[in-house]
Protein backbone atom coordinates (compact mmCIF):
# COMPACT_ATOMS: atom_id res chain seq x y z
CA MET A 1 -0.09 -0.20 -0.32
CA PRO A 2 1.69 3.44 -0.99
CA THR A 3 2.24 6.01 1.63
CA PHE A 4 1.46 9.44 1.57
CA GLU A 5 3.08 12.39 2.80
CA TYR A 6 0.88 15.39 3.97
CA LEU A 7 0.52 18.95 5.03
CA ALA A 8 -2.84 19.53 7.16
CA LEU A 9 -4.37 22.17 9.31
CA ASP A 10 -5.80 21.13 12.59
CA THR A 11 -9.19 22.60 14.29
CA ALA A 12 -6.79 24.99 16.03
CA GLY A 13 -5.28 26.02 12.60
CA ARG A 14 -2.03 24.42 13.44
CA GLU A 15 -0.14 22.95 10.59
CA ARG A 16 0.35 18.90 10.93
CA THR A 17 2.72 17.29 8.67
CA GLY A 18 3.44 13.23 8.73
CA SER A 19 2.73 10.35 6.59
CA LEU A 20 0.13 7.61 6.46
CA SER A 21 -0.57 4.72 4.40
CA ALA A 22 -3.90 4.32 1.90
CA ALA A 23 -4.94 2.76 -1.28
CA SER A 24 -5.07 6.07 -2.95
CA GLU A 25 -4.80 9.57 -2.72
CA THR A 26 -8.75 10.18 -2.27
CA ASP A 27 -8.57 7.54 0.45
CA ALA A 28 -5.74 9.32 1.87
CA ARG A 29 -7.90 12.62 2.39
CA THR A 30 -10.75 10.83 3.81
CA LEU A 31 -8.65 9.58 6.72
CA LEU A 32 -7.43 13.13 7.15
CA GLU A 33 -11.06 14.40 7.38
CA ARG A 34 -12.01 11.69 9.61
CA ARG A 35 -8.72 12.94 12.08
CA LYS A 36 -10.29 16.33 11.75
CA LEU A 37 -7.44 17.47 9.46
CA LEU A 38 -7.49 20.19 6.48
CA PRO A 39 -5.39 18.58 3.86
CA VAL A 40 -3.55 21.58 2.07
CA ARG A 41 -0.74 19.26 0.52
CA LEU A 42 -0.95 15.85 0.08
CA GLY A 43 1.45 13.78 -2.38
CA ALA A 44 2.98 10.31 -2.58
CA ALA A 45 6.10 9.90 -0.24
CA ALA A 46 8.95 9.45 -2.94
CA GLU A 47 8.04 12.65 -4.61
CA THR A 48 9.27 14.41 -1.37
CA ARG A 49 12.86 14.86 -2.94
CA SER A 50 14.87 16.62 0.09
CA GLY A 51 13.50 14.62 2.82
CA SER A 52 12.31 17.95 4.41
CA SER A 53 9.06 18.80 5.26
CA PRO A 54 6.96 21.14 3.30
CA ALA A 55 6.95 23.62 6.33
CA LEU A 56 10.68 23.68 5.95
CA ALA A 57 10.98 23.81 2.29
CA ALA A 58 8.42 26.90 2.55
CA GLY A 59 11.07 28.85 4.44
CA PHE A 60 13.96 28.41 2.06
CA ASN A 61 11.54 29.28 -0.98
CA ARG A 62 11.57 32.98 -1.66
CA ARG A 63 9.49 33.19 -4.71
CA LYS A 64 6.67 34.67 -3.82
CA LEU A 65 3.56 36.47 -5.51
CA SER A 66 2.57 39.93 -4.59
CA THR A 67 -1.07 40.57 -3.41
CA LYS A 68 -1.95 42.24 -6.66
CA ALA A 69 -0.28 39.54 -8.61
CA LEU A 70 -1.81 37.17 -6.68
CA THR A 71 -5.01 38.91 -7.25
CA LEU A 72 -4.79 39.21 -11.26
CA PHE A 73 -3.82 35.10 -11.15
CA THR A 74 -7.02 34.53 -9.52
CA ARG A 75 -9.20 36.56 -11.34
CA GLN A 76 -7.54 35.33 -14.98
CA LEU A 77 -7.81 31.50 -13.61
CA ALA A 78 -11.83 32.09 -12.89
CA THR A 79 -12.51 33.33 -16.32
CA LEU A 80 -10.24 30.68 -17.96
CA ILE A 81 -11.32 27.46 -16.41
CA SER A 82 -14.70 28.50 -17.38
CA VAL A 83 -13.97 27.99 -21.08
CA SER A 84 -11.36 25.79 -21.12
CA PRO A 85 -9.96 22.66 -19.09
CA LEU A 86 -7.81 23.68 -15.63
CA GLU A 87 -4.18 22.57 -17.17
CA GLU A 88 -4.72 24.85 -20.18
CA ALA A 89 -5.78 27.71 -18.22
CA LEU A 90 -2.63 27.60 -16.41
CA ARG A 91 -0.55 27.27 -19.19
CA SER A 92 -2.33 30.21 -20.91
CA ILE A 93 -1.94 32.20 -17.13
CA ALA A 94 2.03 31.33 -17.37
CA MET A 95 2.53 31.92 -20.93
CA GLN A 96 1.13 35.61 -21.23
CA SER A 97 3.07 36.70 -17.94
CA GLU A 98 5.17 39.44 -18.31
CA GLN A 99 7.50 38.96 -15.24
CA LYS A 100 9.35 35.95 -15.10
CA LYS A 101 8.86 35.30 -11.54
CA VAL A 102 5.30 34.89 -11.73
CA ALA A 103 5.71 32.51 -14.70
CA ASP A 104 7.42 30.24 -12.97
CA ILE A 105 5.47 30.14 -9.98
CA VAL A 106 2.45 29.41 -12.50
CA TRP A 107 4.61 27.08 -14.39
CA ARG A 108 5.15 25.03 -11.34
CA VAL A 109 1.87 25.02 -10.23
CA HIS A 110 0.63 23.82 -13.95
CA GLY A 111 3.36 20.94 -13.70
CA GLY A 112 1.49 19.86 -10.01
CA VAL A 113 -1.66 19.64 -12.04
CA VAL A 114 -0.23 17.24 -14.99
CA GLU A 115 1.33 15.32 -12.50
CA GLY A 116 -2.32 14.41 -11.24
CA ARG A 117 -2.29 16.42 -8.26
CA ARG A 118 -5.20 18.51 -7.28
CA LEU A 119 -5.18 22.27 -7.61
CA ALA A 120 -4.91 23.08 -3.86
CA ASP A 121 -2.22 20.42 -3.70
CA ALA A 122 -0.06 21.59 -6.85
CA MET A 123 -0.22 25.23 -5.74
CA ALA A 124 1.20 23.96 -2.01
CA LEU A 125 4.44 23.51 -3.82
CA GLU A 126 4.13 27.45 -3.66
CA PRO A 127 3.20 27.69 -0.21
CA ALA A 128 4.48 31.59 -0.10
CA SER A 129 2.23 32.33 -2.84
CA PHE A 130 -0.67 30.36 -1.87
CA PRO A 131 -0.78 30.98 2.11
CA PRO A 132 -3.39 27.80 3.72
CA LEU A 133 -6.50 30.14 3.43
CA TYR A 134 -6.33 30.25 -0.30
CA ARG A 135 -5.47 26.95 -0.88
CA ALA A 136 -8.13 25.80 1.85
CA MET A 137 -10.92 27.80 -0.11
CA VAL A 138 -9.53 26.22 -3.62
CA ALA A 139 -10.06 22.64 -2.06
CA ALA A 140 -13.25 23.61 -1.09
CA GLY A 141 -14.20 24.81 -4.46
CA GLU A 142 -12.61 21.26 -6.20
CA GLY A 143 -14.88 19.40 -3.79
CA SER A 144 -17.88 21.23 -4.02
CA GLY A 145 -17.68 21.66 -7.90
CA GLY A 146 -17.93 25.19 -7.93
CA MET A 147 -14.59 26.21 -8.90
CA THR A 148 -15.43 29.00 -11.15
CA GLU A 149 -17.40 30.67 -8.38
CA ILE A 150 -14.84 30.49 -5.70
CA LEU A 151 -12.05 31.99 -7.45
CA GLU A 152 -14.49 34.78 -8.25
CA ARG A 153 -14.83 35.29 -4.35
CA LEU A 154 -11.61 34.94 -3.91
CA ALA A 155 -10.70 37.45 -6.18
CA ASP A 156 -13.16 40.00 -4.91
CA LEU A 157 -11.76 39.09 -1.08
CA HIS A 158 -8.12 39.90 -2.34
CA GLU A 159 -9.42 43.22 -4.07
CA ARG A 160 -11.45 44.56 -1.34
CA GLN A 161 -8.50 43.92 1.18
CA ALA A 162 -6.26 45.71 -1.06
CA GLU A 163 -8.50 48.43 -2.00
CA VAL A 164 -8.91 48.99 2.24
CA ARG A 165 -5.02 49.10 2.32
CA GLY A 166 -4.42 51.13 -0.62
CA LYS A 167 -6.98 54.01 1.24
CA ILE A 168 -4.98 54.10 3.97
CA LEU A 169 -1.83 54.21 2.40
CA THR A 170 -3.10 56.92 -0.08
CA ALA A 171 -4.50 59.14 3.38
CA LEU A 172 -1.11 58.63 4.77
CA ALA A 173 1.03 59.60 2.02
CA TYR A 174 0.26 63.55 1.74
CA PRO A 175 0.52 63.86 5.52
CA ALA A 176 3.81 61.22 6.00
CA MET A 177 5.44 63.42 3.32
CA LEU A 178 4.48 66.68 4.79
CA ALA A 179 5.95 65.71 8.38
CA LEU A 180 9.28 64.09 6.85
CA VAL A 181 10.15 67.35 4.81
CA ALA A 182 9.08 69.78 7.77
CA LEU A 183 10.91 67.36 10.12
CA LEU A 184 14.03 67.52 7.85
CA ILE A 185 13.27 71.74 7.74
CA VAL A 186 13.68 71.79 11.26
CA ILE A 187 16.62 69.40 11.55
CA GLY A 188 18.80 71.50 9.27
CA MET A 189 17.70 74.60 10.83
CA MET A 190 18.94 73.35 14.46
CA THR A 191 22.19 72.04 13.12
CA TYR A 192 23.65 74.43 10.69
CA VAL A 193 21.44 77.82 10.61
CA ILE A 194 21.66 77.89 14.63
CA PRO A 195 25.13 77.34 14.90
CA LYS A 196 26.03 80.11 12.49
CA VAL A 197 23.60 82.57 14.31
CA VAL A 198 25.07 81.81 17.56
CA GLU A 199 28.79 82.58 16.32
CA GLN A 200 27.45 86.33 16.05
CA PHE A 201 25.36 86.07 19.37
CA ASN A 202 28.95 85.27 20.97
CA ASP A 203 30.17 88.44 19.82
CA MET A 204 27.57 90.60 21.56
CA GLY A 205 28.48 90.11 25.15
CA GLN A 206 24.97 90.61 26.02
CA GLU A 207 22.95 87.69 28.34
CA LEU A 208 20.38 85.93 26.01
CA PRO A 209 16.65 85.84 26.28
CA LEU A 210 15.72 82.26 27.68
CA LEU A 211 14.05 81.22 24.84
CA THR A 212 17.27 81.38 22.69
CA ARG A 213 19.44 79.61 25.44
CA ILE A 214 17.00 76.66 25.21
CA VAL A 215 17.16 76.47 21.18
CA ILE A 216 20.72 76.89 21.29
CA GLY A 217 21.29 74.30 24.18
CA ILE A 218 19.01 72.00 22.09
CA SER A 219 21.15 72.76 19.14
CA GLU A 220 24.22 71.81 20.40
CA PHE A 221 22.93 68.75 21.54
CA MET A 222 21.60 67.82 18.42
CA THR A 223 24.84 68.67 16.17
CA GLY A 224 27.33 66.90 19.49
CA TYR A 225 25.16 63.80 20.35
CA GLY A 226 23.15 63.09 17.11
CA LEU A 227 24.65 60.50 15.64
CA ILE A 228 24.87 58.78 19.08
CA VAL A 229 21.31 59.17 19.28
CA LEU A 230 20.73 57.39 15.75
CA VAL A 231 22.75 54.47 16.84
CA LEU A 232 21.25 54.15 20.08
CA LEU A 233 17.40 54.36 18.38
CA GLY A 234 18.96 51.74 15.76
CA VAL A 235 19.88 49.31 18.81
CA GLY A 236 16.35 50.11 20.56
CA VAL A 237 14.98 49.02 16.90
CA VAL A 238 17.12 45.69 16.91
CA VAL A 239 16.42 45.01 20.31
CA PHE A 240 12.65 45.51 20.23
CA GLY A 241 13.02 43.17 17.32
CA ARG A 242 14.44 40.48 19.20
CA MET A 243 11.88 41.02 22.23
CA MET A 244 8.89 41.08 19.68
CA GLN A 245 10.51 37.25 19.23
CA ARG A 246 9.25 36.38 22.58
CA GLU A 247 5.44 35.10 22.64
CA ASP A 248 4.64 36.74 26.13
CA PHE A 249 5.96 40.48 25.32
CA HIS A 250 4.46 40.02 21.86
CA MET A 251 1.39 39.46 23.32
CA LYS A 252 1.68 42.38 25.63
CA VAL A 253 2.58 44.87 23.35
CA ASP A 254 -0.66 44.01 20.85
CA ARG A 255 -2.27 44.21 23.96
CA ARG A 256 -1.21 47.93 24.39
CA LEU A 257 -2.20 48.53 20.97
CA LEU A 258 -5.66 47.64 21.05
CA GLY A 259 -5.87 50.04 24.12
CA ILE A 260 -4.63 52.92 22.02
CA PRO A 261 -7.92 54.96 21.78
CA LEU A 262 -7.58 55.37 17.42
CA ILE A 263 -5.28 52.94 16.95
CA GLY A 264 -7.32 49.96 18.87
CA ARG A 265 -10.63 50.66 17.06
CA LEU A 266 -9.07 50.78 14.06
CA LEU A 267 -6.98 47.58 14.55
CA ARG A 268 -10.49 46.01 15.80
CA ASP A 269 -12.70 46.99 13.26
CA LEU A 270 -10.55 46.10 10.66
CA HIS A 271 -10.37 42.42 11.69
CA ALA A 272 -14.22 42.37 12.42
CA ALA A 273 -14.50 43.42 8.76
CA ARG A 274 -11.88 41.14 7.40
CA LEU A 275 -13.53 38.10 9.54
CA ALA A 276 -16.76 38.67 8.40
CA ARG A 277 -15.95 39.11 4.43
CA THR A 278 -13.84 35.90 5.23
CA LEU A 279 -16.25 33.86 6.60
CA SER A 280 -19.17 34.81 4.42
CA THR A 281 -17.25 33.78 1.61
CA MET A 282 -16.66 30.32 3.05
CA VAL A 283 -19.79 29.73 4.06
CA ASP A 284 -21.01 30.69 0.87
CA ASN A 285 -19.37 27.98 -0.65
CA GLY A 286 -19.99 25.08 1.84
CA MET A 287 -16.50 25.18 3.51
CA PRO A 288 -17.65 24.51 7.85
CA ILE A 289 -17.40 27.53 10.13
CA LEU A 290 -14.66 26.00 12.05
CA ASP A 291 -12.57 24.95 9.57
CA GLY A 292 -13.28 28.48 8.38
CA LEU A 293 -12.32 30.15 11.34
CA ALA A 294 -9.15 27.90 12.43
CA VAL A 295 -7.22 28.84 9.27
CA THR A 296 -8.51 32.77 9.08
CA SER A 297 -7.13 32.64 12.97
CA ARG A 298 -3.51 31.82 11.23
CA THR A 299 -3.34 34.78 9.06
CA ILE A 300 -3.98 36.94 12.46
CA ARG A 301 -0.79 39.06 13.27
CA ASN A 302 -2.16 40.71 16.35
CA ARG A 303 -1.78 38.24 19.13
CA VAL A 304 -4.71 39.07 21.22
CA LEU A 305 -7.04 39.42 18.02
CA ARG A 306 -5.75 35.76 17.20
CA GLY A 307 -6.39 34.34 20.46
CA ALA A 308 -10.09 35.55 20.79
CA THR A 309 -10.54 34.16 17.11
CA GLU A 310 -9.28 30.69 18.55
CA ASP A 311 -11.14 31.37 22.09
CA MET A 312 -14.30 31.37 19.19
CA VAL A 313 -13.34 27.73 17.76
CA GLU A 314 -13.08 26.34 21.00
CA SER A 315 -16.88 27.52 21.53
CA ILE A 316 -18.12 26.59 18.84
CA ARG A 317 -16.67 23.01 18.82
CA GLU A 318 -18.19 22.61 22.26
CA GLY A 319 -21.83 23.70 20.92
CA GLY A 320 -21.80 27.00 20.62
CA SER A 321 -23.26 29.37 17.88
CA LEU A 322 -20.96 31.72 16.26
CA SER A 323 -23.08 34.88 17.19
CA GLY A 324 -22.41 33.86 20.71
CA SER A 325 -18.81 33.33 20.33
CA MET A 326 -17.93 36.63 19.25
CA ARG A 327 -20.13 38.25 22.06
CA ARG A 328 -18.09 36.29 24.61
CA THR A 329 -14.49 37.86 23.29
CA GLY A 330 -15.91 41.29 23.49
CA ILE A 331 -13.70 42.61 20.57
CA PHE A 332 -16.30 42.58 17.93
CA PRO A 333 -18.76 45.42 17.42
CA PRO A 334 -22.34 44.96 18.16
CA LEU A 335 -23.29 45.44 14.94
CA LEU A 336 -21.64 42.22 13.77
CA VAL A 337 -22.59 40.01 16.76
CA HIS A 338 -26.19 41.15 16.27
CA MET A 339 -26.42 40.30 12.43
CA THR A 340 -24.70 37.03 13.00
CA ALA A 341 -27.86 36.46 15.01
CA SER A 342 -29.92 37.23 12.67
CA GLY A 343 -28.52 35.59 10.01
CA GLU A 344 -28.01 32.02 12.17
CA SER A 345 -31.71 32.62 13.26
CA SER A 346 -33.14 32.74 9.37
CA GLY A 347 -30.46 30.32 7.75
CA LYS A 348 -29.03 33.55 5.73
CA LEU A 349 -25.31 33.45 7.73
CA ALA A 350 -23.43 34.26 4.31
CA GLN A 351 -25.55 37.20 3.07
CA MET A 352 -25.56 38.80 6.82
CA LEU A 353 -21.67 38.43 6.87
CA GLY A 354 -21.65 40.01 3.76
CA ARG A 355 -24.25 42.95 4.61
CA ALA A 356 -22.15 43.16 7.84
CA ALA A 357 -18.58 43.31 6.05
CA ASP A 358 -19.73 46.09 3.59
CA TYR A 359 -21.16 48.10 6.45
CA MET A 360 -17.73 47.86 8.78
CA GLU A 361 -15.73 48.56 5.39
CA ARG A 362 -17.92 52.10 4.75
CA GLU A 363 -18.00 52.79 8.33
CA PHE A 364 -14.04 52.21 8.56
CA ASP A 365 -13.62 54.12 5.43
CA ALA A 366 -15.63 57.09 6.91
CA PHE A 367 -13.57 57.13 9.93
CA THR A 368 -10.22 56.81 8.15
CA LYS A 369 -10.90 59.73 6.29
CA SER A 370 -12.32 61.89 9.07
CA ALA A 371 -9.23 60.90 11.15
CA LEU A 372 -6.62 61.78 8.76
CA SER A 373 -8.35 65.02 7.74
CA LEU A 374 -7.29 66.03 11.13
CA LEU A 375 -4.08 65.10 10.69
CA GLU A 376 -3.09 67.03 8.20
CA PRO A 377 -3.49 70.24 9.88
CA LEU A 378 -2.29 69.40 12.97
CA ILE A 379 1.10 68.53 11.54
CA ILE A 380 1.08 72.14 9.92
CA VAL A 381 0.36 73.71 13.12
CA ILE A 382 2.52 71.87 15.13
CA MET A 383 5.43 72.19 12.86
CA GLY A 384 4.75 75.83 12.12
CA GLY A 385 4.94 76.22 15.56
CA VAL A 386 8.03 74.57 16.23
CA ILE A 387 9.72 76.76 13.19
CA ALA A 388 8.28 79.78 14.70
CA THR A 389 9.86 78.97 17.73
CA ILE A 390 12.85 78.64 16.28
CA VAL A 391 12.77 81.75 14.01
CA LEU A 392 11.40 83.54 17.22
CA SER A 393 14.65 82.65 19.13
CA ILE A 394 16.84 84.12 16.75
CA LEU A 395 15.12 87.33 16.40
CA LEU A 396 14.77 88.12 19.98
CA PRO A 397 18.18 89.06 20.56
CA ILE A 398 18.19 91.17 17.32
CA LEU A 399 15.13 93.03 18.88
CA GLN A 400 16.63 92.92 22.12
CA LEU A 401 19.91 94.50 20.65
CA ASP A 402 17.97 97.27 18.72
CA THR A 403 16.39 98.23 22.01
CA ILE A 404 19.23 98.46 23.61
CA ALA A 405 21.07 100.66 20.86
CA VAL A 406 18.06 102.74 20.79
CA GLN A 407 18.44 103.81 24.70
């Protein structure tokens, strides 16, 4: 009996690797499902050349599709497989791709399909480009026979997420550039202009105003210790990065982020909208909620939000409802909890989750626009005040000198 090696996800969303004996690949999948494992890669043991696990191999695979390239690939594949066989559709996408990296990745997936693998298993050959959540949804589409529809939904999901990220980056671009230019101007004045002016003040033999002395002191500190401060900041960033590798420290930082008034709300709303959109897509295509939550939890970077999502998985496994588990976490907006409960009671869970996601995305968009619209004038006022203070510190001794001359 042949032996199959697998990479699967358990009900908690963790990766499991191993091998099992089965008469065929279909029987091997059935055995994994009985063990409550969701297969994302399955192949004969002889096909694993290197002897390393797929998860380890993924660490050395540096090729990766960008979010834009993955969305385009998904959309093209959804269109082509509706009119041509899967193998031909993949070949067409690879041949017409203008980027060699993208073409190489698609060719490898194509090769896996030609060898007889399912599409989700072929995509597992490029785990950096096709994350577990993506592959799990593709596997669900293959199992239900609705591959075109689920690929369209995946493309829509990625486009919506990219749109949200794009709006945030666009809104932040101008204030960030404004702050950077103003900061460079202040640094230039403090390290170049002020020292030149100080030379003139030293010849006056007059006591300088307090504001001028303070600005000169800051200028001398920046000139004498600026490089040391930059080095210390660099060391601090490295140390902080090392500390973030510790789970307990990372958890504390994430919890503090959620406690910040504006940032915490943005993170929670983004998480709720993304979870609702993903679950809506999965439920609408027949994927179990437990599997969807388990796989989704692995894509969440904030440890507190990830832990809350994993608690939802345990609550549902013990017989609780989705809306009840959301309510117990205490991090989801009441609107989402209410609409989820309505969807469960009416049998329209996917539709209600989709509507909730639409509403929260509109609310998030309006909130970020209003918040960031206040950021630009705030930066202008702060930087204008700093520059005005520097200029005033230069003018005060000159005015003082003019007053003495008149007397």
